[in-house]
Amino acid sequence: MVPEAIRHESILAIGYFVMGNKDNQLWVHQGEQPTILNQLCMLPFQYFSEPDLKGILFPTLVSSLFLCDEAKEIVRNEVSLIHMASYLTGSLFYRITELLL
């Protein structure tokens, strides 16, 4: 079992690795199954429901999916995008509120 802190840092590192880099985005969703992207989608449900854990996983998933149709299709088949949409909406609302105050 991987210690929680190392798992969290690994998830964040993947996000930085793929951010704005199409080649790296392709790398995390291609190859032997389960791919890195598949493994992110198979994390325990808490990563999709608890705010602190969503704050670790979802930015990495967004970076992995951004302008990458192949990755979007993989994630769409693995998890419900409702949780991600809710997270993004909430994050946007929080940022706008923060800017206005």
C-alpha atoms as a PDB file:
ATOM      1  CA  MET A   1       0.000   0.000   0.000  1.00  0.00           C
ATOM      2  CA  VAL A   2       1.346   3.403  -1.003  1.00  0.00           C
ATOM      3  CA  PRO A   3       1.434   5.958   1.839  1.00  0.00           C
ATOM      4  CA  GLU A   4      -1.232   8.617   1.389  1.00  0.00           C
ATOM      5  CA  ALA A   5       1.198  11.553   1.198  1.00  0.00           C
ATOM      6  CA  ILE A   6       3.209   9.877  -1.566  1.00  0.00           C
ATOM      7  CA  ARG A   7       0.008   9.038  -3.481  1.00  0.00           C
ATOM      8  CA  HIS A   8      -1.108  12.666  -3.272  1.00  0.00           C
ATOM      9  CA  GLU A   9       2.255  14.013  -4.423  1.00  0.00           C
ATOM     10  CA  SER A  10       2.277  11.518  -7.301  1.00  0.00           C
ATOM     11  CA  ILE A  11      -1.160  12.643  -8.446  1.00  0.00           C
ATOM     12  CA  LEU A  12      -0.061  16.283  -8.340  1.00  0.00           C
ATOM     13  CA  ALA A  13       3.183  15.464 -10.189  1.00  0.00           C
ATOM     14  CA  ILE A  14       1.200  13.807 -12.983  1.00  0.00           C
ATOM     15  CA  GLY A  15      -0.876  16.975 -13.284  1.00  0.00           C
ATOM     16  CA  TYR A  16       2.220  19.129 -13.687  1.00  0.00           C
ATOM     17  CA  PHE A  17       3.692  16.589 -16.127  1.00  0.00           C
ATOM     18  CA  VAL A  18       0.713  16.770 -18.497  1.00  0.00           C
ATOM     19  CA  MET A  19      -0.194  20.445 -18.079  1.00  0.00           C
ATOM     20  CA  GLY A  20      -0.091  22.096 -21.492  1.00  0.00           C
ATOM     21  CA  ASN A  21       1.894  19.258 -23.067  1.00  0.00           C
ATOM     22  CA  LYS A  22       0.039  17.157 -25.654  1.00  0.00           C
ATOM     23  CA  ASP A  23       2.838  14.551 -25.868  1.00  0.00           C
ATOM     24  CA  ASN A  24       2.731  13.991 -22.115  1.00  0.00           C
ATOM     25  CA  GLN A  25      -1.060  13.845 -22.167  1.00  0.00           C
ATOM     26  CA  LEU A  26      -0.834  11.082 -24.760  1.00  0.00           C
ATOM     27  CA  TRP A  27       1.819   9.281 -22.744  1.00  0.00           C
ATOM     28  CA  VAL A  28      -0.370   8.940 -19.631  1.00  0.00           C
ATOM     29  CA  HIS A  29      -3.278   7.372 -21.498  1.00  0.00           C
ATOM     30  CA  GLN A  30      -1.441   5.059 -23.876  1.00  0.00           C
ATOM     31  CA  GLY A  31       0.414   1.836 -23.285  1.00  0.00           C
ATOM     32  CA  GLU A  32      -0.170  -1.205 -21.166  1.00  0.00           C
ATOM     33  CA  GLN A  33      -3.460  -1.373 -19.312  1.00  0.00           C
ATOM     34  CA  PRO A  34      -4.256  -0.002 -16.864  1.00  0.00           C
ATOM     35  CA  THR A  35      -2.653   3.227 -18.010  1.00  0.00           C
ATOM     36  CA  ILE A  36      -1.804   6.041 -15.623  1.00  0.00           C
ATOM     37  CA  LEU A  37      -5.033   7.775 -16.606  1.00  0.00           C
ATOM     38  CA  ASN A  38      -7.022   4.565 -15.983  1.00  0.00           C
ATOM     39  CA  GLN A  39      -5.406   4.267 -12.566  1.00  0.00           C
ATOM     40  CA  LEU A  40      -6.370   7.840 -11.697  1.00  0.00           C
ATOM     41  CA  CYS A  41      -9.956   6.977 -12.614  1.00  0.00           C
ATOM     42  CA  MET A  42      -9.820   3.879 -10.387  1.00  0.00           C
ATOM     43  CA  LEU A  43      -8.819   5.754  -7.231  1.00  0.00           C
ATOM     44  CA  PRO A  44     -11.114   5.216  -4.249  1.00  0.00           C
ATOM     45  CA  PHE A  45     -14.474   6.995  -4.381  1.00  0.00           C
ATOM     46  CA  GLN A  46     -13.341   9.464  -1.700  1.00  0.00           C
ATOM     47  CA  TYR A  47     -11.184  11.180  -4.366  1.00  0.00           C
ATOM     48  CA  PHE A  48     -14.374  11.934  -6.277  1.00  0.00           C
ATOM     49  CA  SER A  49     -16.493  12.988  -3.307  1.00  0.00           C
ATOM     50  CA  GLU A  50     -14.397  14.568  -0.522  1.00  0.00           C
ATOM     51  CA  PRO A  51     -13.451  18.211  -1.149  1.00  0.00           C
ATOM     52  CA  ASP A  52      -9.800  17.927  -0.047  1.00  0.00           C
ATOM     53  CA  LEU A  53      -9.180  14.850  -2.181  1.00  0.00           C
ATOM     54  CA  LYS A  54     -11.047  16.307  -5.157  1.00  0.00           C
ATOM     55  CA  GLY A  55      -8.674  19.260  -4.864  1.00  0.00           C
ATOM     56  CA  ILE A  56      -5.802  16.826  -5.425  1.00  0.00           C
ATOM     57  CA  LEU A  57      -7.282  14.636  -8.172  1.00  0.00           C
ATOM     58  CA  PHE A  58      -9.475  16.910 -10.247  1.00  0.00           C
ATOM     59  CA  PRO A  59      -6.866  19.486 -11.314  1.00  0.00           C
ATOM     60  CA  THR A  60      -4.748  16.578 -12.551  1.00  0.00           C
ATOM     61  CA  LEU A  61      -7.676  15.101 -14.470  1.00  0.00           C
ATOM     62  CA  VAL A  62      -8.500  18.496 -15.982  1.00  0.00           C
ATOM     63  CA  SER A  63      -4.871  18.901 -17.086  1.00  0.00           C
ATOM     64  CA  SER A  64      -4.950  15.413 -18.567  1.00  0.00           C
ATOM     65  CA  LEU A  65      -8.167  16.073 -20.497  1.00  0.00           C
ATOM     66  CA  PHE A  66      -7.598  19.643 -21.664  1.00  0.00           C
ATOM     67  CA  LEU A  67      -7.787  19.683 -25.489  1.00  0.00           C
ATOM     68  CA  CYS A  68      -7.145  15.920 -25.607  1.00  0.00           C
ATOM     69  CA  ASP A  69     -10.139  14.081 -27.065  1.00  0.00           C
ATOM     70  CA  GLU A  70      -8.574  10.645 -26.585  1.00  0.00           C
ATOM     71  CA  ALA A  71      -8.141  11.192 -22.851  1.00  0.00           C
ATOM     72  CA  LYS A  72     -11.646  12.646 -22.541  1.00  0.00           C
ATOM     73  CA  GLU A  73     -13.085   9.476 -24.038  1.00  0.00           C
ATOM     74  CA  ILE A  74     -11.178   7.274 -21.583  1.00  0.00           C
ATOM     75  CA  VAL A  75     -12.324   9.262 -18.561  1.00  0.00           C
ATOM     76  CA  ARG A  76     -15.885   9.479 -19.861  1.00  0.00           C
ATOM     77  CA  ASN A  77     -15.964   5.671 -20.025  1.00  0.00           C
ATOM     78  CA  GLU A  78     -14.416   5.230 -16.563  1.00  0.00           C
ATOM     79  CA  VAL A  79     -16.119   7.792 -14.314  1.00  0.00           C
ATOM     80  CA  SER A  80     -19.093  10.091 -14.155  1.00  0.00           C
ATOM     81  CA  LEU A  81     -18.145  13.569 -15.276  1.00  0.00           C
ATOM     82  CA  ILE A  82     -20.859  15.035 -13.051  1.00  0.00           C
ATOM     83  CA  HIS A  83     -18.443  15.166 -10.104  1.00  0.00           C
ATOM     84  CA  MET A  84     -15.821  16.971 -12.170  1.00  0.00           C
ATOM     85  CA  ALA A  85     -18.358  19.432 -13.592  1.00  0.00           C
ATOM     86  CA  SER A  86     -19.597  20.196 -10.088  1.00  0.00           C
ATOM     87  CA  TYR A  87     -16.031  20.703  -8.859  1.00  0.00           C
ATOM     88  CA  LEU A  88     -15.200  23.071 -11.726  1.00  0.00           C
ATOM     89  CA  THR A  89     -18.403  25.055 -11.240  1.00  0.00           C
ATOM     90  CA  GLY A  90     -17.750  25.366  -7.510  1.00  0.00           C
ATOM     91  CA  SER A  91     -14.119  26.352  -8.064  1.00  0.00           C
ATOM     92  CA  LEU A  92     -15.103  29.003 -10.572  1.00  0.00           C
ATOM     93  CA  PHE A  93     -17.769  30.391  -8.242  1.00  0.00           C
ATOM     94  CA  TYR A  94     -15.256  30.485  -5.366  1.00  0.00           C
ATOM     95  CA  ARG A  95     -12.672  32.335  -7.491  1.00  0.00           C
ATOM     96  CA  ILE A  96     -15.177  34.895  -8.744  1.00  0.00           C
ATOM     97  CA  THR A  97     -16.470  35.489  -5.212  1.00  0.00           C
ATOM     98  CA  GLU A  98     -12.897  35.840  -3.977  1.00  0.00           C
ATOM     99  CA  LEU A  99     -12.136  38.444  -6.656  1.00  0.00           C
ATOM    100  CA  LEU A 100     -15.253  40.444  -5.894  1.00  0.00           C
ATOM    101  CA  LEU A 101     -14.643  40.647  -2.160  1.00  0.00           C
END
